[in-house]
Amino acid sequence: MIDAIPIIDIGDIDQTTGAGIESIAQEIRDAYSTVGFAYIVNHGIDPTLIDELFQASAEFHALPRAAKMAIELNALHRGFIPINTSTDKNSKLAVVTKPNQSESFIMMREADARDPGVRAGDYLAGPNQWPEELPGFRTTVTAYHEALTQLGHKVCRAIALALRTDAEAFSAAFAPPTTFLRLLHYPPQPPDPANDIYGSAPHTDFGCITILAQDTIGGLQVRNAAGSWIDAPHMPDSFVMNVGDMLHRWSNGQLLSTPHRVVNRSGKHRYACPFFFDPDVTAEVAPLASCITAERRRRFPAIVYGDFLRAELQAGYEKHAATI
């Protein structure tokens, strides 16, 4: 029974061949086929940039509600999501009737009228919304988004090696990637909240990989194979990285999209910044040939990621479902 989150050193992630990248691929294969979560260290992201991101998040969430509501979540799934408007009605892991006790700001890949996705009318392609009251906010958040996008590409090349599939062909599904950077604020919850009140209700992520920066407060929990919830506390100079439903499908079930939740019983305000790195909305996701064997027959039909994404977002943000 797994009762701890493994640690993967990705210091050699820039290698394309050699013992270093092969070792990373093997550790990815081992960790994500048994746990679905790991801490990644030596990731190369400037710690000052991470600190600046958390400062930007705290400044945003400290704005008056009216200022945040001026950029409320729009049809392009960008902007502010106020508390008590996000309910995971698709959860297969708990009966969820009350909204998550969190608020957040979401940005995605910036795309103007010249962008091919915008010209083609791709789902969610478009510009971000930014708070006018924080002039440096956009610069900091965009810099972090770009740094994590590059890290996501590198990690997915290592994942392709782990799955013994062609790295170039796999990378083509992320040209461009669908990316979400979410700045989350979890207010304190009562020490003994009702069973159906969560900072984030039990769920699996629906994309490819999630790379999470979290503060020192705690509250993230991962469900192990025995069905017990184990803590995934803050670890200095690391990210928590997990697999989502699309990578579970691509790997024909080999890599696990593991349930997780957030319950903030610390009595303090919690901040977390998950970055979601997913395939292009037009990409077809089907089990890779390298993951289909006589012992592991094909488990999933092919789907188009954008169609799956639309259904998930509409289920999770009920107030905005008509426009997302």
C-alpha atoms as a PDB file:
ATOM      1  CA  MET A   1       0.000   0.000   0.000  1.00  0.00           C
ATOM      2  CA  ILE A   2       1.383   3.397  -1.007  1.00  0.00           C
ATOM      3  CA  ASP A   3       1.363   5.889   1.867  1.00  0.00           C
ATOM      4  CA  ALA A   4       3.860   8.476   0.582  1.00  0.00           C
ATOM      5  CA  ILE A   5       4.296  10.526  -2.588  1.00  0.00           C
ATOM      6  CA  PRO A   6       7.490   9.610  -4.523  1.00  0.00           C
ATOM      7  CA  ILE A   7      10.124  12.185  -5.509  1.00  0.00           C
ATOM      8  CA  ILE A   8      11.555  12.435  -9.032  1.00  0.00           C
ATOM      9  CA  ASP A   9      14.711  14.418  -9.788  1.00  0.00           C
ATOM     10  CA  ILE A  10      14.271  15.865 -13.293  1.00  0.00           C
ATOM     11  CA  GLY A  11      17.574  17.717 -13.410  1.00  0.00           C
ATOM     12  CA  ASP A  12      18.465  15.964 -16.699  1.00  0.00           C
ATOM     13  CA  ILE A  13      15.108  16.771 -18.344  1.00  0.00           C
ATOM     14  CA  ASP A  14      16.822  18.773 -21.119  1.00  0.00           C
ATOM     15  CA  GLN A  15      18.620  15.683 -22.394  1.00  0.00           C
ATOM     16  CA  THR A  16      17.183  13.970 -25.453  1.00  0.00           C
ATOM     17  CA  THR A  17      19.235  10.784 -25.064  1.00  0.00           C
ATOM     18  CA  GLY A  18      21.472   9.231 -22.456  1.00  0.00           C
ATOM     19  CA  ALA A  19      21.334   7.690 -19.021  1.00  0.00           C
ATOM     20  CA  GLY A  20      19.923  10.808 -17.331  1.00  0.00           C
ATOM     21  CA  ILE A  21      16.751  11.102 -19.381  1.00  0.00           C
ATOM     22  CA  GLU A  22      16.303   7.326 -19.450  1.00  0.00           C
ATOM     23  CA  SER A  23      16.377   7.332 -15.640  1.00  0.00           C
ATOM     24  CA  ILE A  24      13.745  10.076 -15.529  1.00  0.00           C
ATOM     25  CA  ALA A  25      11.545   8.108 -17.939  1.00  0.00           C
ATOM     26  CA  GLN A  26      11.845   4.997 -15.777  1.00  0.00           C
ATOM     27  CA  GLU A  27      10.958   6.916 -12.612  1.00  0.00           C
ATOM     28  CA  ILE A  28       7.966   8.456 -14.370  1.00  0.00           C
ATOM     29  CA  ARG A  29       6.848   5.004 -15.488  1.00  0.00           C
ATOM     30  CA  ASP A  30       7.176   3.628 -11.962  1.00  0.00           C
ATOM     31  CA  ALA A  31       5.616   6.538 -10.066  1.00  0.00           C
ATOM     32  CA  TYR A  32       2.679   7.216 -12.341  1.00  0.00           C
ATOM     33  CA  SER A  33       1.741   3.576 -12.895  1.00  0.00           C
ATOM     34  CA  THR A  34       1.454   3.022  -9.123  1.00  0.00           C
ATOM     35  CA  VAL A  35       0.603   6.373  -7.499  1.00  0.00           C
ATOM     36  CA  GLY A  36      -0.248   8.905 -10.214  1.00  0.00           C
ATOM     37  CA  PHE A  37       1.415  11.684  -8.213  1.00  0.00           C
ATOM     38  CA  ALA A  38       5.031  12.682  -7.544  1.00  0.00           C
ATOM     39  CA  TYR A  39       7.083  15.596  -6.340  1.00  0.00           C
ATOM     40  CA  ILE A  40       9.429  16.837  -9.052  1.00  0.00           C
ATOM     41  CA  VAL A  41      12.669  18.521  -7.967  1.00  0.00           C
ATOM     42  CA  ASN A  42      15.506  20.231  -9.856  1.00  0.00           C
ATOM     43  CA  HIS A  43      12.859  21.453 -12.290  1.00  0.00           C
ATOM     44  CA  GLY A  44      14.760  24.569 -13.362  1.00  0.00           C
ATOM     45  CA  ILE A  45      12.060  27.159 -12.632  1.00  0.00           C
ATOM     46  CA  ASP A  46      13.466  30.276 -10.964  1.00  0.00           C
ATOM     47  CA  PRO A  47      12.329  30.294  -7.291  1.00  0.00           C
ATOM     48  CA  THR A  48      12.111  34.094  -7.427  1.00  0.00           C
ATOM     49  CA  LEU A  49       9.533  33.808 -10.218  1.00  0.00           C
ATOM     50  CA  ILE A  50       7.517  31.369  -8.099  1.00  0.00           C
ATOM     51  CA  ASP A  51       7.616  33.768  -5.143  1.00  0.00           C
ATOM     52  CA  GLU A  52       6.522  36.625  -7.390  1.00  0.00           C
ATOM     53  CA  LEU A  53       3.623  34.530  -8.671  1.00  0.00           C
ATOM     54  CA  PHE A  54       2.336  33.854  -5.149  1.00  0.00           C
ATOM     55  CA  GLN A  55       2.687  37.551  -4.317  1.00  0.00           C
ATOM     56  CA  ALA A  56       0.703  38.430  -7.451  1.00  0.00           C
ATOM     57  CA  SER A  57      -1.963  35.905  -6.469  1.00  0.00           C
ATOM     58  CA  ALA A  58      -2.257  37.304  -2.951  1.00  0.00           C
ATOM     59  CA  GLU A  59      -2.525  40.853  -4.311  1.00  0.00           C
ATOM     60  CA  PHE A  60      -5.224  39.812  -6.772  1.00  0.00           C
ATOM     61  CA  HIS A  61      -7.327  38.019  -4.175  1.00  0.00           C
ATOM     62  CA  ALA A  62      -6.976  41.011  -1.815  1.00  0.00           C
ATOM     63  CA  LEU A  63      -8.687  43.278  -4.367  1.00  0.00           C
ATOM     64  CA  PRO A  64     -12.239  44.432  -3.618  1.00  0.00           C
ATOM     65  CA  ARG A  65     -14.810  41.948  -4.855  1.00  0.00           C
ATOM     66  CA  ALA A  66     -16.174  44.464  -7.369  1.00  0.00           C
ATOM     67  CA  ALA A  67     -12.746  44.754  -9.012  1.00  0.00           C
ATOM     68  CA  LYS A  68     -12.474  40.991  -9.353  1.00  0.00           C
ATOM     69  CA  MET A  69     -16.037  40.635 -10.598  1.00  0.00           C
ATOM     70  CA  ALA A  70     -15.231  43.128 -13.370  1.00  0.00           C
ATOM     71  CA  ILE A  71     -13.263  40.299 -15.003  1.00  0.00           C
ATOM     72  CA  GLU A  72     -15.548  37.421 -14.009  1.00  0.00           C
ATOM     73  CA  LEU A  73     -15.065  34.165 -15.924  1.00  0.00           C
ATOM     74  CA  ASN A  74     -16.121  34.638 -19.542  1.00  0.00           C
ATOM     75  CA  ALA A  75     -17.017  32.417 -22.488  1.00  0.00           C
ATOM     76  CA  LEU A  76     -13.306  31.829 -23.155  1.00  0.00           C
ATOM     77  CA  HIS A  77     -12.870  30.412 -19.625  1.00  0.00           C
ATOM     78  CA  ARG A  78     -10.646  33.268 -18.525  1.00  0.00           C
ATOM     79  CA  GLY A  79     -10.968  35.535 -15.530  1.00  0.00           C
ATOM     80  CA  PHE A  80     -12.236  35.409 -11.963  1.00  0.00           C
ATOM     81  CA  ILE A  81     -14.281  32.582 -10.466  1.00  0.00           C
ATOM     82  CA  PRO A  82     -15.902  33.759  -7.216  1.00  0.00           C
ATOM     83  CA  ILE A  83     -16.426  31.456  -4.272  1.00  0.00           C
ATOM     84  CA  ASN A  84     -19.567  29.275  -4.269  1.00  0.00           C
ATOM     85  CA  THR A  85     -19.878  29.037  -8.082  1.00  0.00           C
ATOM     86  CA  SER A  86     -17.756  25.958  -8.907  1.00  0.00           C
ATOM     87  CA  THR A  87     -19.383  22.610  -8.141  1.00  0.00           C
ATOM     88  CA  ASP A  88     -17.958  19.314  -9.377  1.00  0.00           C
ATOM     89  CA  LYS A  89     -21.201  17.611 -10.320  1.00  0.00           C
ATOM     90  CA  ASN A  90     -19.263  15.105 -12.446  1.00  0.00           C
ATOM     91  CA  SER A  91     -17.420  13.719  -9.419  1.00  0.00           C
ATOM     92  CA  LYS A  92     -17.538   9.927  -9.285  1.00  0.00           C
ATOM     93  CA  LEU A  93     -15.735   9.974  -5.948  1.00  0.00           C
ATOM     94  CA  ALA A  94     -18.171  11.717  -3.622  1.00  0.00           C
ATOM     95  CA  VAL A  95     -21.708  13.051  -3.544  1.00  0.00           C
ATOM     96  CA  VAL A  96     -21.013  16.734  -4.158  1.00  0.00           C
ATOM     97  CA  THR A  97     -23.920  19.118  -3.656  1.00  0.00           C
ATOM     98  CA  LYS A  98     -22.123  22.208  -2.364  1.00  0.00           C
ATOM     99  CA  PRO A  99     -19.667  24.383  -4.324  1.00  0.00           C
ATOM    100  CA  ASN A 100     -15.944  24.335  -3.697  1.00  0.00           C
ATOM    101  CA  GLN A 101     -14.790  26.741  -0.994  1.00  0.00           C
ATOM    102  CA  SER A 102     -12.262  28.532  -3.153  1.00  0.00           C
ATOM    103  CA  GLU A 103     -11.965  31.463  -5.515  1.00  0.00           C
ATOM    104  CA  SER A 104      -9.580  31.711  -8.425  1.00  0.00           C
ATOM    105  CA  PHE A 105      -8.177  33.621 -11.366  1.00  0.00           C
ATOM    106  CA  ILE A 106      -7.668  31.673 -14.601  1.00  0.00           C
ATOM    107  CA  MET A 107      -5.545  32.548 -17.614  1.00  0.00           C
ATOM    108  CA  MET A 108      -4.817  30.473 -20.694  1.00  0.00           C
ATOM    109  CA  ARG A 109      -2.496  30.776 -23.672  1.00  0.00           C
ATOM    110  CA  GLU A 110      -2.753  34.319 -25.012  1.00  0.00           C
ATOM    111  CA  ALA A 111      -4.145  34.412 -28.558  1.00  0.00           C
ATOM    112  CA  ASP A 112      -5.098  37.465 -30.590  1.00  0.00           C
ATOM    113  CA  ALA A 113      -6.922  37.753 -33.913  1.00  0.00           C
ATOM    114  CA  ARG A 114      -3.800  36.659 -35.830  1.00  0.00           C
ATOM    115  CA  ASP A 115      -3.569  33.353 -33.978  1.00  0.00           C
ATOM    116  CA  PRO A 116      -4.384  30.314 -36.180  1.00  0.00           C
ATOM    117  CA  GLY A 117      -6.654  28.887 -33.491  1.00  0.00           C
ATOM    118  CA  VAL A 118      -8.637  32.112 -33.258  1.00  0.00           C
ATOM    119  CA  ARG A 119      -8.961  32.301 -37.051  1.00  0.00           C
ATOM    120  CA  ALA A 120     -10.130  28.680 -37.136  1.00  0.00           C
ATOM    121  CA  GLY A 121     -12.662  29.258 -34.343  1.00  0.00           C
ATOM    122  CA  ASP A 122     -11.043  26.689 -32.043  1.00  0.00           C
ATOM    123  CA  TYR A 123     -12.728  26.172 -28.696  1.00  0.00           C
ATOM    124  CA  LEU A 124     -11.422  28.632 -26.045  1.00  0.00           C
ATOM    125  CA  ALA A 125      -8.883  30.317 -28.348  1.00  0.00           C
ATOM    126  CA  GLY A 126      -8.643  34.013 -27.517  1.00  0.00           C
ATOM    127  CA  PRO A 127      -7.256  36.729 -25.227  1.00  0.00           C
ATOM    128  CA  ASN A 128      -7.048  36.803 -21.434  1.00  0.00           C
ATOM    129  CA  GLN A 129      -8.703  39.211 -18.999  1.00  0.00           C
ATOM    130  CA  TRP A 130      -6.467  41.236 -16.663  1.00  0.00           C
ATOM    131  CA  PRO A 131      -7.143  43.318 -13.544  1.00  0.00           C
ATOM    132  CA  GLU A 132      -6.571  47.018 -14.273  1.00  0.00           C
ATOM    133  CA  GLU A 133      -5.715  47.697 -10.624  1.00  0.00           C
ATOM    134  CA  LEU A 134      -2.499  45.624 -10.699  1.00  0.00           C
ATOM    135  CA  PRO A 135      -0.219  46.900 -13.496  1.00  0.00           C
ATOM    136  CA  GLY A 136       2.565  44.347 -12.899  1.00  0.00           C
ATOM    137  CA  PHE A 137       0.229  41.383 -12.526  1.00  0.00           C
ATOM    138  CA  ARG A 138       0.062  40.480 -16.211  1.00  0.00           C
ATOM    139  CA  THR A 139       3.854  40.517 -16.626  1.00  0.00           C
ATOM    140  CA  THR A 140       4.478  38.198 -13.675  1.00  0.00           C
ATOM    141  CA  VAL A 141       1.682  35.746 -14.429  1.00  0.00           C
ATOM    142  CA  THR A 142       2.547  35.579 -18.134  1.00  0.00           C
ATOM    143  CA  ALA A 143       6.241  34.961 -17.390  1.00  0.00           C
ATOM    144  CA  TYR A 144       5.332  32.062 -15.100  1.00  0.00           C
ATOM    145  CA  HIS A 145       2.880  30.666 -17.645  1.00  0.00           C
ATOM    146  CA  GLU A 146       5.558  30.705 -20.350  1.00  0.00           C
ATOM    147  CA  ALA A 147       8.157  29.058 -18.088  1.00  0.00           C
ATOM    148  CA  LEU A 148       5.736  26.277 -17.122  1.00  0.00           C
ATOM    149  CA  THR A 149       4.698  25.795 -20.749  1.00  0.00           C
ATOM    150  CA  GLN A 150       8.309  25.060 -21.649  1.00  0.00           C
ATOM    151  CA  LEU A 151       8.614  22.695 -18.681  1.00  0.00           C
ATOM    152  CA  GLY A 152       5.412  20.943 -19.783  1.00  0.00           C
ATOM    153  CA  HIS A 153       6.856  20.273 -23.240  1.00  0.00           C
ATOM    154  CA  LYS A 154      10.000  18.784 -21.690  1.00  0.00           C
ATOM    155  CA  VAL A 155       8.052  16.591 -19.285  1.00  0.00           C
ATOM    156  CA  CYS A 156       5.851  15.274 -22.082  1.00  0.00           C
ATOM    157  CA  ARG A 157       8.926  14.270 -24.088  1.00  0.00           C
ATOM    158  CA  ALA A 158      10.051  12.267 -21.039  1.00  0.00           C
ATOM    159  CA  ILE A 159       6.575  10.764 -20.741  1.00  0.00           C
ATOM    160  CA  ALA A 160       6.760   9.652 -24.385  1.00  0.00           C
ATOM    161  CA  LEU A 161      10.003   7.835 -23.555  1.00  0.00           C
ATOM    162  CA  ALA A 162       8.338   6.295 -20.509  1.00  0.00           C
ATOM    163  CA  LEU A 163       5.525   4.992 -22.710  1.00  0.00           C
ATOM    164  CA  ARG A 164       7.999   3.829 -25.374  1.00  0.00           C
ATOM    165  CA  THR A 165       6.307   5.854 -28.087  1.00  0.00           C
ATOM    166  CA  ASP A 166       7.713   8.286 -30.637  1.00  0.00           C
ATOM    167  CA  ALA A 167       8.464  11.560 -28.849  1.00  0.00           C
ATOM    168  CA  GLU A 168       8.040  13.752 -31.943  1.00  0.00           C
ATOM    169  CA  ALA A 169       4.651  12.277 -32.798  1.00  0.00           C
ATOM    170  CA  PHE A 170       3.478  12.630 -29.200  1.00  0.00           C
ATOM    171  CA  SER A 171       4.709  16.227 -29.021  1.00  0.00           C
ATOM    172  CA  ALA A 172       2.703  17.083 -32.149  1.00  0.00           C
ATOM    173  CA  ALA A 173      -0.496  16.688 -30.107  1.00  0.00           C
ATOM    174  CA  PHE A 174       0.645  19.709 -28.069  1.00  0.00           C
ATOM    175  CA  ALA A 175       1.165  22.089 -31.005  1.00  0.00           C
ATOM    176  CA  PRO A 176      -0.020  24.288 -29.475  1.00  0.00           C
ATOM    177  CA  PRO A 177      -0.874  22.968 -26.015  1.00  0.00           C
ATOM    178  CA  THR A 178      -4.056  23.865 -24.186  1.00  0.00           C
ATOM    179  CA  THR A 179      -2.835  25.495 -20.992  1.00  0.00           C
ATOM    180  CA  PHE A 180      -4.527  26.803 -17.869  1.00  0.00           C
ATOM    181  CA  LEU A 181      -2.811  28.656 -15.034  1.00  0.00           C
ATOM    182  CA  ARG A 182      -5.097  28.960 -12.033  1.00  0.00           C
ATOM    183  CA  LEU A 183      -4.374  31.153  -9.006  1.00  0.00           C
ATOM    184  CA  LEU A 184      -6.410  29.634  -6.193  1.00  0.00           C
ATOM    185  CA  HIS A 185      -7.306  31.055  -2.802  1.00  0.00           C
ATOM    186  CA  TYR A 186      -8.855  28.787  -0.170  1.00  0.00           C
ATOM    187  CA  PRO A 187     -10.329  30.640   2.810  1.00  0.00           C
ATOM    188  CA  PRO A 188     -10.170  28.796   6.151  1.00  0.00           C
ATOM    189  CA  GLN A 189     -12.818  26.130   6.647  1.00  0.00           C
ATOM    190  CA  PRO A 190     -14.306  25.096   9.998  1.00  0.00           C
ATOM    191  CA  PRO A 191     -12.134  22.528  11.855  1.00  0.00           C
ATOM    192  CA  ASP A 192     -14.856  19.900  11.410  1.00  0.00           C
ATOM    193  CA  PRO A 193     -16.714  20.836   8.204  1.00  0.00           C
ATOM    194  CA  ALA A 194     -19.668  18.856   6.902  1.00  0.00           C
ATOM    195  CA  ASN A 195     -18.706  15.810   4.852  1.00  0.00           C
ATOM    196  CA  ASP A 196     -19.708  17.451   1.578  1.00  0.00           C
ATOM    197  CA  ILE A 197     -17.876  20.768   2.059  1.00  0.00           C
ATOM    198  CA  TYR A 198     -14.441  20.896   0.456  1.00  0.00           C
ATOM    199  CA  GLY A 199     -11.898  23.439  -0.605  1.00  0.00           C
ATOM    200  CA  SER A 200     -11.785  21.258  -3.710  1.00  0.00           C
ATOM    201  CA  ALA A 201     -14.055  18.209  -3.870  1.00  0.00           C
ATOM    202  CA  PRO A 202     -12.573  14.770  -4.646  1.00  0.00           C
ATOM    203  CA  HIS A 203     -11.824  14.623  -8.364  1.00  0.00           C
ATOM    204  CA  THR A 204      -9.398  13.590 -11.056  1.00  0.00           C
ATOM    205  CA  ASP A 205      -7.915  16.152 -13.439  1.00  0.00           C
ATOM    206  CA  PHE A 206      -9.232  15.884 -16.986  1.00  0.00           C
ATOM    207  CA  GLY A 207      -6.156  16.857 -18.987  1.00  0.00           C
ATOM    208  CA  CYS A 208      -2.650  15.513 -19.457  1.00  0.00           C
ATOM    209  CA  ILE A 209      -0.416  16.710 -16.604  1.00  0.00           C
ATOM    210  CA  THR A 210      -0.873  19.146 -13.726  1.00  0.00           C
ATOM    211  CA  ILE A 211       2.143  20.916 -12.212  1.00  0.00           C
ATOM    212  CA  LEU A 212       1.245  22.414  -8.845  1.00  0.00           C
ATOM    213  CA  ALA A 213       3.004  25.066  -6.796  1.00  0.00           C
ATOM    214  CA  GLN A 214       1.528  25.231  -3.296  1.00  0.00           C
ATOM    215  CA  ASP A 215       2.195  27.255  -0.167  1.00  0.00           C
ATOM    216  CA  THR A 216       3.168  25.868   3.231  1.00  0.00           C
ATOM    217  CA  ILE A 217      -0.355  25.660   4.672  1.00  0.00           C
ATOM    218  CA  GLY A 218      -1.255  22.138   3.523  1.00  0.00           C
ATOM    219  CA  GLY A 219      -4.618  20.589   2.710  1.00  0.00           C
ATOM    220  CA  LEU A 220      -3.927  18.662  -0.495  1.00  0.00           C
ATOM    221  CA  GLN A 221      -4.697  14.967  -0.125  1.00  0.00           C
ATOM    222  CA  VAL A 222      -4.263  12.069  -2.563  1.00  0.00           C
ATOM    223  CA  ARG A 223      -6.232   8.827  -2.493  1.00  0.00           C
ATOM    224  CA  ASN A 224      -4.020   5.746  -2.407  1.00  0.00           C
ATOM    225  CA  ALA A 225      -4.793   2.305  -3.831  1.00  0.00           C
ATOM    226  CA  ALA A 226      -6.357   1.223  -0.525  1.00  0.00           C
ATOM    227  CA  GLY A 227      -8.826   4.117  -0.693  1.00  0.00           C
ATOM    228  CA  SER A 228      -7.203   6.103   2.117  1.00  0.00           C
ATOM    229  CA  TRP A 229      -6.467   9.812   1.830  1.00  0.00           C
ATOM    230  CA  ILE A 230      -2.797  10.666   2.330  1.00  0.00           C
ATOM    231  CA  ASP A 231      -1.350  14.140   2.714  1.00  0.00           C
ATOM    232  CA  ALA A 232       0.745  15.782  -0.013  1.00  0.00           C
ATOM    233  CA  PRO A 233       2.308  18.601   2.020  1.00  0.00           C
ATOM    234  CA  HIS A 234       4.491  21.416   0.781  1.00  0.00           C
ATOM    235  CA  MET A 235       8.058  20.370  -0.041  1.00  0.00           C
ATOM    236  CA  PRO A 236      10.567  23.183  -0.555  1.00  0.00           C
ATOM    237  CA  ASP A 237      11.858  23.712  -4.106  1.00  0.00           C
ATOM    238  CA  SER A 238       9.457  21.187  -5.619  1.00  0.00           C
ATOM    239  CA  PHE A 239       6.270  20.945  -7.623  1.00  0.00           C
ATOM    240  CA  VAL A 240       3.577  18.333  -7.155  1.00  0.00           C
ATOM    241  CA  MET A 241       2.869  16.769 -10.552  1.00  0.00           C
ATOM    242  CA  ASN A 242       0.001  14.436 -11.384  1.00  0.00           C
ATOM    243  CA  VAL A 243      -1.475  12.690 -14.402  1.00  0.00           C
ATOM    244  CA  GLY A 244      -4.907  13.586 -15.769  1.00  0.00           C
ATOM    245  CA  ASP A 245      -7.597  11.617 -17.575  1.00  0.00           C
ATOM    246  CA  MET A 246      -6.204  12.251 -21.083  1.00  0.00           C
ATOM    247  CA  LEU A 247      -2.819  10.747 -20.244  1.00  0.00           C
ATOM    248  CA  HIS A 248      -4.587   7.852 -18.551  1.00  0.00           C
ATOM    249  CA  ARG A 249      -6.383   7.252 -21.853  1.00  0.00           C
ATOM    250  CA  TRP A 250      -3.281   7.714 -23.977  1.00  0.00           C
ATOM    251  CA  SER A 251      -1.412   5.175 -21.849  1.00  0.00           C
ATOM    252  CA  ASN A 252      -4.345   2.728 -22.101  1.00  0.00           C
ATOM    253  CA  GLY A 253      -4.739   2.913 -18.333  1.00  0.00           C
ATOM    254  CA  GLN A 254      -1.069   2.328 -17.553  1.00  0.00           C
ATOM    255  CA  LEU A 255      -0.565   5.771 -15.995  1.00  0.00           C
ATOM    256  CA  LEU A 256      -3.035   6.613 -13.244  1.00  0.00           C
ATOM    257  CA  SER A 257      -5.269   9.655 -13.007  1.00  0.00           C
ATOM    258  CA  THR A 258      -5.442   9.638  -9.226  1.00  0.00           C
ATOM    259  CA  PRO A 259      -8.244  11.167  -7.141  1.00  0.00           C
ATOM    260  CA  HIS A 260      -7.292  14.098  -4.943  1.00  0.00           C
ATOM    261  CA  ARG A 261      -8.992  16.773  -2.860  1.00  0.00           C
ATOM    262  CA  VAL A 262      -8.313  19.870  -0.751  1.00  0.00           C
ATOM    263  CA  VAL A 263      -9.648  20.378   2.768  1.00  0.00           C
ATOM    264  CA  ASN A 264      -8.296  23.527   4.429  1.00  0.00           C
ATOM    265  CA  ARG A 265      -8.650  22.967   8.167  1.00  0.00           C
ATOM    266  CA  SER A 266      -5.552  25.016   9.010  1.00  0.00           C
ATOM    267  CA  GLY A 267      -7.459  28.075  10.168  1.00  0.00           C
ATOM    268  CA  LYS A 268      -5.363  30.058   7.666  1.00  0.00           C
ATOM    269  CA  HIS A 269      -5.701  31.241   4.092  1.00  0.00           C
ATOM    270  CA  ARG A 270      -4.229  28.758   1.587  1.00  0.00           C
ATOM    271  CA  TYR A 271      -2.866  29.650  -1.861  1.00  0.00           C
ATOM    272  CA  ALA A 272      -2.047  27.233  -4.659  1.00  0.00           C
ATOM    273  CA  CYS A 273      -1.122  27.718  -8.315  1.00  0.00           C
ATOM    274  CA  PRO A 274      -1.844  24.682 -10.511  1.00  0.00           C
ATOM    275  CA  PHE A 275      -0.700  24.735 -14.139  1.00  0.00           C
ATOM    276  CA  PHE A 276      -2.515  22.385 -16.507  1.00  0.00           C
ATOM    277  CA  PHE A 277      -0.675  21.248 -19.643  1.00  0.00           C
ATOM    278  CA  ASP A 278      -3.043  19.538 -22.068  1.00  0.00           C
ATOM    279  CA  PRO A 279      -3.211  18.618 -25.759  1.00  0.00           C
ATOM    280  CA  ASP A 280      -4.464  20.953 -28.453  1.00  0.00           C
ATOM    281  CA  VAL A 281      -8.275  21.082 -28.517  1.00  0.00           C
ATOM    282  CA  THR A 282      -8.293  19.465 -31.977  1.00  0.00           C
ATOM    283  CA  ALA A 283      -6.069  16.531 -30.912  1.00  0.00           C
ATOM    284  CA  GLU A 284      -7.456  13.010 -31.029  1.00  0.00           C
ATOM    285  CA  VAL A 285      -6.685  11.071 -27.869  1.00  0.00           C
ATOM    286  CA  ALA A 286      -6.592   7.299 -28.256  1.00  0.00           C
ATOM    287  CA  PRO A 287      -4.510   4.557 -26.601  1.00  0.00           C
ATOM    288  CA  LEU A 288      -0.981   4.541 -27.982  1.00  0.00           C
ATOM    289  CA  ALA A 289       0.014   1.430 -29.916  1.00  0.00           C
ATOM    290  CA  SER A 290       2.955   0.960 -27.546  1.00  0.00           C
ATOM    291  CA  CYS A 291       0.524   0.670 -24.627  1.00  0.00           C
ATOM    292  CA  ILE A 292      -1.697  -2.003 -26.163  1.00  0.00           C
ATOM    293  CA  THR A 293      -0.597  -5.591 -25.551  1.00  0.00           C
ATOM    294  CA  ALA A 294      -2.134  -9.022 -25.360  1.00  0.00           C
ATOM    295  CA  GLU A 295      -2.268  -8.607 -21.589  1.00  0.00           C
ATOM    296  CA  ARG A 296      -3.541  -5.009 -21.742  1.00  0.00           C
ATOM    297  CA  ARG A 297      -6.099  -4.835 -24.510  1.00  0.00           C
ATOM    298  CA  ARG A 298      -7.375  -1.482 -25.770  1.00  0.00           C
ATOM    299  CA  ARG A 299      -9.534   0.026 -23.037  1.00  0.00           C
ATOM    300  CA  PHE A 300     -10.701   3.381 -24.469  1.00  0.00           C
ATOM    301  CA  PRO A 301     -12.204   4.685 -27.719  1.00  0.00           C
ATOM    302  CA  ALA A 302     -10.696   7.684 -29.487  1.00  0.00           C
ATOM    303  CA  ILE A 303     -12.025  11.091 -28.430  1.00  0.00           C
ATOM    304  CA  VAL A 304     -11.335  14.686 -29.463  1.00  0.00           C
ATOM    305  CA  TYR A 305      -9.907  16.546 -26.488  1.00  0.00           C
ATOM    306  CA  GLY A 306     -11.870  19.757 -27.116  1.00  0.00           C
ATOM    307  CA  ASP A 307     -15.194  17.883 -27.032  1.00  0.00           C
ATOM    308  CA  PHE A 308     -14.271  16.204 -23.758  1.00  0.00           C
ATOM    309  CA  LEU A 309     -13.022  19.499 -22.310  1.00  0.00           C
ATOM    310  CA  ARG A 310     -16.222  21.368 -23.137  1.00  0.00           C
ATOM    311  CA  ALA A 311     -18.340  18.765 -21.338  1.00  0.00           C
ATOM    312  CA  GLU A 312     -16.116  18.845 -18.260  1.00  0.00           C
ATOM    313  CA  LEU A 313     -16.073  22.634 -18.001  1.00  0.00           C
ATOM    314  CA  GLN A 314     -19.804  22.932 -18.467  1.00  0.00           C
ATOM    315  CA  ALA A 315     -20.390  20.425 -15.666  1.00  0.00           C
ATOM    316  CA  GLY A 316     -17.961  22.119 -13.283  1.00  0.00           C
ATOM    317  CA  TYR A 317     -19.006  25.763 -13.584  1.00  0.00           C
ATOM    318  CA  GLU A 318     -22.759  25.692 -13.524  1.00  0.00           C
ATOM    319  CA  LYS A 319     -23.346  29.469 -13.525  1.00  0.00           C
ATOM    320  CA  HIS A 320     -21.290  29.842 -16.685  1.00  0.00           C
ATOM    321  CA  ALA A 321     -22.242  26.579 -18.401  1.00  0.00           C
ATOM    322  CA  ALA A 322     -24.356  28.219 -21.083  1.00  0.00           C
ATOM    323  CA  THR A 323     -21.445  30.263 -22.373  1.00  0.00           C
ATOM    324  CA  ILE A 324     -18.352  28.089 -21.853  1.00  0.00           C
END
